[in-house]
Protein backbone atom coordinates (compact mmCIF):
# COMPACT_ATOMS: atom_id res chain seq x y z
CA UNK A 1 4.63 -23.88 6.09
CA UNK A 2 0.91 -24.07 4.51
CA UNK A 3 -2.21 -23.23 6.41
CA UNK A 4 -5.77 -24.67 5.56
CA UNK A 5 -8.02 -22.04 6.47
CA UNK A 6 -11.33 -23.70 5.91
CA UNK A 7 -11.68 -27.75 6.29
CA UNK A 8 -14.48 -29.96 7.73
CA UNK A 9 -12.57 -32.53 9.59
CA UNK A 10 -15.63 -33.27 11.54
CA UNK A 11 -17.16 -34.82 8.89
CA UNK A 12 -17.57 -38.51 8.49
CA UNK A 13 -15.43 -38.80 5.28
CA UNK A 14 -12.41 -37.42 7.17
CA UNK A 15 -13.05 -37.84 10.85
CA UNK A 16 -12.70 -41.50 10.53
CA UNK A 17 -9.28 -41.18 8.69
CA UNK A 18 -8.15 -38.41 10.87
CA UNK A 19 -4.76 -40.14 11.43
CA UNK A 20 -4.12 -40.41 7.69
CA UNK A 21 -5.50 -36.86 7.01
CA UNK A 22 -2.57 -35.56 9.76
CA UNK A 23 0.23 -37.72 8.37
CA UNK A 24 -0.64 -36.46 4.95
CA UNK A 25 -0.65 -32.99 6.26
CA UNK A 26 2.86 -33.06 7.66
CA UNK A 27 4.23 -34.70 4.60
CA UNK A 28 2.80 -31.83 2.35
CA UNK A 29 4.09 -29.28 4.87
CA UNK A 30 0.64 -28.03 5.90
CA UNK A 31 1.14 -27.32 9.30
CA UNK A 32 -2.25 -25.59 10.39
CA UNK A 33 -5.97 -26.05 9.70
CA UNK A 34 -9.22 -24.10 10.86
CA UNK A 35 -12.00 -26.58 11.62
CA UNK A 36 -15.21 -25.14 10.48
CA UNK A 37 -18.58 -25.61 12.18
CA UNK A 38 -21.81 -25.62 10.04
CA UNK A 39 -24.52 -26.35 12.76
CA UNK A 40 -24.94 -25.80 16.71
CA UNK A 41 -25.14 -29.69 16.84
CA UNK A 42 -21.76 -30.16 15.36
CA UNK A 43 -19.98 -27.41 17.49
CA UNK A 44 -18.73 -29.86 20.07
CA UNK A 45 -17.26 -32.21 17.63
CA UNK A 46 -15.46 -29.36 15.78
CA UNK A 47 -14.44 -27.88 19.04
CA UNK A 48 -13.01 -31.13 20.18
CA UNK A 49 -10.90 -31.45 17.38
CA UNK A 50 -9.28 -27.96 17.84
CA UNK A 51 -8.83 -28.86 21.83
CA UNK A 52 -7.39 -32.23 20.76
CA UNK A 53 -4.71 -30.99 18.34
CA UNK A 54 -2.69 -28.14 18.94
CA UNK A 55 -2.51 -27.03 15.29
CA UNK A 56 -6.08 -27.29 14.63
CA UNK A 57 -8.70 -24.38 15.40
CA UNK A 58 -12.65 -23.85 15.37
CA UNK A 59 -15.31 -21.68 14.40
CA UNK A 60 -18.80 -21.72 15.42
CA UNK A 61 -21.87 -21.15 13.04
CA UNK A 62 -24.56 -22.29 10.78
CA UNK A 63 -24.29 -22.78 7.47
CA UNK A 64 -26.66 -20.72 5.27
CA UNK A 65 -27.85 -23.83 3.36
CA UNK A 66 -28.40 -26.14 6.68
CA UNK A 67 -32.36 -26.27 7.27
CA UNK A 68 -34.09 -28.52 10.08
CA UNK A 69 -31.17 -27.59 12.33
CA UNK A 70 -31.10 -25.60 15.66
CA UNK A 71 -31.53 -21.94 14.55
CA UNK A 72 -28.54 -19.94 16.39
CA UNK A 73 -29.19 -17.12 18.78
CA UNK A 74 -26.87 -14.40 19.10
CA UNK A 75 -26.22 -15.86 22.63
CA UNK A 76 -25.61 -19.13 21.43
CA UNK A 77 -22.64 -17.96 19.15
CA UNK A 78 -21.40 -15.54 21.69
CA UNK A 79 -21.23 -18.28 24.43
CA UNK A 80 -19.21 -20.98 22.13
CA UNK A 81 -17.19 -18.07 20.71
CA UNK A 82 -15.56 -17.23 24.03
CA UNK A 83 -14.37 -20.75 24.37
CA UNK A 84 -10.64 -21.58 24.11
CA UNK A 85 -9.38 -22.29 20.34
CA UNK A 86 -12.45 -20.85 18.63
CA UNK A 87 -11.30 -18.04 16.52
CA UNK A 88 -14.08 -16.87 14.32
CA UNK A 89 -18.06 -17.00 13.79
CA UNK A 90 -19.24 -19.03 10.63
CA UNK A 91 -19.33 -20.53 8.35
CA UNK A 92 -22.23 -17.87 7.62
CA UNK A 93 -23.68 -16.01 4.72
CA UNK A 94 -26.26 -16.58 1.98
CA UNK A 95 -26.91 -19.29 -0.68
CA UNK A 96 -29.66 -18.93 -3.15
CA UNK A 97 -28.10 -21.65 -5.39
CA UNK A 98 -30.39 -24.39 -4.32
CA UNK A 99 -33.89 -22.50 -3.84
CA UNK A 100 -35.88 -25.74 -4.42
CA UNK A 101 -38.62 -23.73 -6.15
CA UNK A 102 -38.71 -20.87 -3.79
CA UNK A 103 -38.29 -17.17 -4.70
CA UNK A 104 -35.30 -15.45 -3.33
CA UNK A 105 -37.82 -13.34 -1.33
CA UNK A 106 -38.76 -16.24 0.51
CA UNK A 107 -35.47 -16.78 1.93
CA UNK A 108 -35.62 -14.11 4.57
CA UNK A 109 -35.04 -16.65 7.48
CA UNK A 110 -31.35 -17.06 5.66
CA UNK A 111 -30.72 -13.46 5.68
CA UNK A 112 -31.94 -13.24 9.29
CA UNK A 113 -29.54 -15.93 10.26
CA UNK A 114 -26.95 -14.06 8.66
CA UNK A 115 -27.50 -11.00 10.51
CA UNK A 116 -27.67 -12.83 13.89
CA UNK A 117 -24.03 -14.14 13.11
CA UNK A 118 -22.57 -10.64 12.11
CA UNK A 119 -24.29 -9.43 15.54
CA UNK A 120 -22.49 -12.18 17.42
CA UNK A 121 -19.29 -11.68 15.85
CA UNK A 122 -19.27 -7.98 16.57
CA UNK A 123 -20.48 -8.64 20.04
CA UNK A 124 -17.54 -11.44 20.24
CA UNK A 125 -14.88 -9.21 18.61
CA UNK A 126 -14.05 -12.15 16.16
CA UNK A 127 -13.83 -12.27 12.45
CA UNK A 128 -16.64 -13.77 10.08
CA UNK A 129 -16.22 -16.73 7.75
CA UNK A 130 -18.55 -15.82 4.97
CA UNK A 131 -19.91 -18.41 2.32
CA UNK A 132 -21.95 -16.47 -0.80
CA UNK A 133 -23.23 -18.51 -3.68
CA UNK A 134 -25.37 -16.81 -6.18
CA UNK A 135 -26.13 -14.07 -3.33
CA UNK A 136 -23.20 -11.63 -3.62
CA UNK A 137 -25.44 -8.61 -3.96
CA UNK A 138 -27.43 -9.63 -0.64
CA UNK A 139 -24.61 -10.66 1.17
CA UNK A 140 -22.61 -7.36 0.61
CA UNK A 141 -25.81 -4.97 1.54
CA UNK A 142 -26.37 -7.03 4.72
CA UNK A 143 -22.46 -6.98 5.68
CA UNK A 144 -22.81 -3.17 5.19
CA UNK A 145 -26.15 -2.82 7.12
CA UNK A 146 -24.73 -4.84 10.17
CA UNK A 147 -21.41 -3.35 10.24
CA UNK A 148 -19.59 -6.27 9.27
CA UNK A 149 -16.56 -4.26 8.18
CA UNK A 150 -15.97 -3.76 11.69
CA UNK A 151 -14.89 -7.33 12.23
CA UNK A 152 -13.81 -8.32 8.83
CA UNK A 153 -12.92 -11.83 8.05
CA UNK A 154 -12.70 -13.86 4.85
CA UNK A 155 -14.84 -14.68 1.82
CA UNK A 156 -14.24 -18.36 1.89
CA UNK A 157 -14.03 -20.65 -1.29
CA UNK A 158 -14.55 -17.82 -3.56
CA UNK A 159 -16.26 -17.98 -6.94
CA UNK A 160 -17.92 -14.66 -7.39
CA UNK A 161 -16.78 -11.94 -9.89
CA UNK A 162 -13.97 -9.45 -9.90
CA UNK A 163 -16.32 -6.62 -8.77
CA UNK A 164 -17.57 -8.80 -5.86
CA UNK A 165 -13.99 -9.41 -4.73
CA UNK A 166 -13.36 -5.61 -5.15
CA UNK A 167 -16.30 -4.99 -2.64
CA UNK A 168 -15.24 -7.59 -0.16
CA UNK A 169 -11.46 -6.22 -0.19
CA UNK A 170 -13.17 -2.64 0.33
CA UNK A 171 -14.92 -4.07 3.45
CA UNK A 172 -11.83 -5.17 4.92
CA UNK A 173 -12.27 -9.26 4.11
CA UNK A 174 -9.76 -11.44 2.83
CA UNK A 175 -10.39 -13.48 -0.22
CA UNK A 176 -9.91 -17.30 0.25
CA UNK A 177 -9.37 -19.75 -2.81
CA UNK A 178 -10.03 -23.43 -2.96
CA UNK A 179 -9.37 -26.19 -5.25
CA UNK A 180 -11.80 -24.90 -8.02
CA UNK A 181 -8.94 -22.40 -8.93
CA UNK A 182 -7.17 -25.52 -10.33
CA UNK A 183 -10.29 -26.42 -12.48
CA UNK A 184 -9.91 -26.17 -16.16
CA UNK A 185 -13.26 -24.08 -16.53
CA UNK A 186 -12.01 -21.53 -13.80
CA UNK A 187 -10.03 -19.12 -15.85
CA UNK A 188 -12.56 -15.92 -14.70
CA UNK A 189 -11.72 -17.13 -10.96
CA UNK A 190 -8.03 -17.15 -12.05
CA UNK A 191 -8.38 -13.81 -13.17
CA UNK A 192 -9.88 -12.82 -9.71
CA UNK A 193 -7.07 -14.29 -8.23
CA UNK A 194 -4.49 -12.64 -10.21
CA UNK A 195 -6.31 -9.45 -8.98
CA UNK A 196 -6.48 -9.57 -5.29
CA UNK A 197 -3.37 -8.45 -3.49
CA UNK A 198 -1.25 -11.68 -2.16
CA UNK A 199 -1.30 -9.73 1.26
CA UNK A 200 -5.19 -10.35 1.07
CA UNK A 201 -5.24 -14.02 0.18
CA UNK A 202 -5.87 -17.28 2.00
CA UNK A 203 -5.89 -20.74 0.81
CA UNK A 204 -8.06 -23.57 1.56
CA UNK A 205 -9.59 -26.92 0.73
CA UNK A 206 -13.03 -26.84 2.10
CA UNK A 207 -12.54 -30.68 2.44
CA UNK A 208 -13.82 -33.15 2.11
CA UNK A 209 -15.31 -31.49 -1.13
CA UNK A 210 -13.54 -29.52 -4.21
CA UNK A 211 -10.32 -31.51 -4.45
CA UNK A 212 -8.11 -29.90 -6.67
CA UNK A 213 -6.41 -31.04 -9.69
CA UNK A 214 -4.88 -33.61 -9.96
CA UNK A 215 -7.15 -35.16 -7.07
CA UNK A 216 -10.46 -33.93 -8.39
CA UNK A 217 -13.28 -36.36 -7.83
CA UNK A 218 -11.57 -37.92 -4.81
CA UNK A 219 -12.10 -37.02 -1.20
CA UNK A 220 -10.35 -33.84 -0.45
CA UNK A 221 -8.15 -33.35 2.59
CA UNK A 222 -6.06 -30.49 4.28
CA UNK A 223 -3.01 -31.75 2.61
CA UNK A 224 -4.42 -30.82 -0.91
CA UNK A 225 -3.98 -27.06 -0.06
CA UNK A 226 -0.41 -27.45 -1.21
CA UNK A 227 -1.79 -27.88 -4.86
CA UNK A 228 -4.13 -24.72 -4.13
CA UNK A 229 -0.96 -22.87 -3.05
CA UNK A 230 0.99 -23.89 -6.26
CA UNK A 231 -1.59 -22.93 -8.71
CA UNK A 232 -1.90 -19.44 -6.71
CA UNK A 233 1.76 -19.00 -6.94
CA UNK A 234 1.92 -20.01 -10.78
CA UNK A 235 -0.95 -17.26 -11.21
CA UNK A 236 1.03 -14.74 -9.40
CA UNK A 237 4.23 -15.74 -10.79
CA UNK A 238 5.86 -16.25 -7.16
CA UNK A 239 7.67 -19.13 -5.62
CA UNK A 240 5.24 -21.52 -3.66
CA UNK A 241 7.30 -20.59 -0.63
CA UNK A 242 6.47 -17.00 -1.29
CA UNK A 243 2.93 -17.86 -1.40
CA UNK A 244 3.02 -20.29 1.57
CA UNK A 245 4.74 -17.48 3.79
CA UNK A 246 2.46 -14.78 2.94
CA UNK A 247 -0.79 -16.59 3.31
CA UNK A 248 0.36 -17.84 6.58
CA UNK A 249 0.84 -14.50 7.61
CA UNK A 250 -2.66 -13.51 6.54
CA UNK A 251 -3.99 -16.31 8.28
CA UNK A 252 -2.61 -15.05 11.41
CA UNK A 253 -3.53 -11.43 11.07
CA UNK A 254 -7.22 -12.53 9.84
CA UNK A 255 -7.99 -14.74 12.91
CA UNK A 256 -5.43 -13.16 15.52
CA UNK A 257 -6.58 -15.55 18.34
CA UNK A 258 -4.61 -18.31 16.85
CA UNK A 259 -1.47 -16.69 18.08
CA UNK A 260 -2.86 -16.35 21.79
């Protein structure tokens, strides 16, 4: 019984193959998936998946990298967060990886967008799905300033340092590991995974991206969260069954609305 806590099934690479994706999930023992929203324009498609299938749930949010899209208002997020089968706000956060010649100081629009998501999550009483890349210091600072610890959530597709993981845990967030954990050059991340208590871990695919070994380079899908869980089990010296059971329990605790 595994859960893919972060996937993009509304993206064309997967939505056009949804029957195949679901068959593969069943064969791999992946019983549930959280479908992540990255723009307001995309929300209806993401929410539609959650309404159509009783083992899918949805989030509402605008990815920090997305420009030229509808800028979310707190009310936009709150209204959608109140709909059935919406269990979190995000993905949201900061990403300074693709500055495209801009300075970090010029990314205030991204920081303000993040603040809006945190305020909406607090108002809605829902957890946050946090994306941070090359921006850990500002991500943590804004979470502290805006009271993000009052709602908690998850730092998804974690690739940051041990110090960042420790700070996220101190704020009450879970840490989610993706297929990157299986990559040959990811030893530092495996050390983070060894440090994070199992009862604070989630597993995900971030599909259609970041397929784990031995599928690296192929289109990722929720079934492949099994390989992530196997690697986490190897790192922690536990059985796959134990990791599957605990990360599934963690999913229900981080996103309690999946149980209603």
